[in-house]
Amino acid sequence: MNGFEELMKDLGVKNFEELDAYINSEEHQDEPIVKDLKELIEYIREKGDVDEKESL
């Protein structure tokens, strides 16, 4: 199991759709990991490596 899979398991999500829901859930907005993941997503978007999506 790689580190990202372990992180997803620790968060209790089974796939990227559930991870997206977790990241965007109001109840998790103050969690440091959510803030870090959002920062990573924004960085990737700014680099132009990922298409814009409404939810991510």
Protein backbone atom coordinates (compact mmCIF):
# COMPACT_ATOMS: atom_id res chain seq x y z
CA MET A 1 0.00 0.00 0.00
CA ASN A 2 1.40 3.40 -0.92
CA GLY A 3 1.27 6.50 1.23
CA PHE A 4 -1.72 8.01 -0.53
CA GLU A 5 -3.74 4.81 -0.14
CA GLU A 6 -2.85 4.77 3.54
CA LEU A 7 -3.96 8.39 3.90
CA MET A 8 -7.28 7.61 2.23
CA LYS A 9 -7.74 4.60 4.52
CA ASP A 10 -6.98 6.77 7.57
CA LEU A 11 -9.60 9.28 6.41
CA GLY A 12 -12.12 6.49 5.92
CA VAL A 13 -12.57 7.01 2.18
CA LYS A 14 -12.38 4.28 -0.45
CA ASN A 15 -11.93 6.23 -3.68
CA PHE A 16 -11.29 9.68 -5.11
CA GLU A 17 -14.99 10.52 -5.26
CA GLU A 18 -15.28 9.93 -1.51
CA LEU A 19 -12.05 11.87 -0.93
CA ASP A 20 -13.49 14.80 -2.87
CA ALA A 21 -16.63 14.69 -0.74
CA TYR A 22 -14.50 14.53 2.42
CA ILE A 23 -12.37 17.51 1.39
CA ASN A 24 -15.43 19.59 0.55
CA SER A 25 -17.51 18.63 3.58
CA GLU A 26 -18.18 21.51 5.98
CA GLU A 27 -17.40 19.34 9.00
CA HIS A 28 -13.79 18.74 7.88
CA GLN A 29 -12.80 22.27 6.83
CA ASP A 30 -10.71 22.93 9.95
CA GLU A 31 -8.66 19.74 9.69
CA PRO A 32 -4.99 20.37 8.81
CA ILE A 33 -4.95 17.54 6.23
CA VAL A 34 -7.93 19.06 4.41
CA LYS A 35 -6.24 22.45 4.33
CA ASP A 36 -3.04 20.85 3.02
CA LEU A 37 -4.87 18.86 0.34
CA LYS A 38 -6.73 21.98 -0.81
CA GLU A 39 -3.44 23.85 -0.99
CA LEU A 40 -1.95 21.03 -3.08
CA ILE A 41 -4.94 21.01 -5.42
CA GLU A 42 -4.67 24.77 -5.89
CA TYR A 43 -0.94 24.51 -6.59
CA ILE A 44 -1.55 21.86 -9.25
CA ARG A 45 -4.31 23.96 -10.83
CA GLU A 46 -2.03 26.99 -10.96
CA LYS A 47 0.60 24.92 -12.73
CA GLY A 48 -2.02 23.99 -15.33
CA ASP A 49 -1.52 20.27 -14.87
CA VAL A 50 -5.16 19.57 -14.00
CA ASP A 51 -8.39 20.75 -15.60
CA GLU A 52 -10.62 22.87 -13.41
CA LYS A 53 -13.44 20.98 -11.73
CA GLU A 54 -16.31 22.37 -9.74
CA SER A 55 -15.86 20.15 -6.70
CA LEU A 56 -12.08 19.83 -6.42
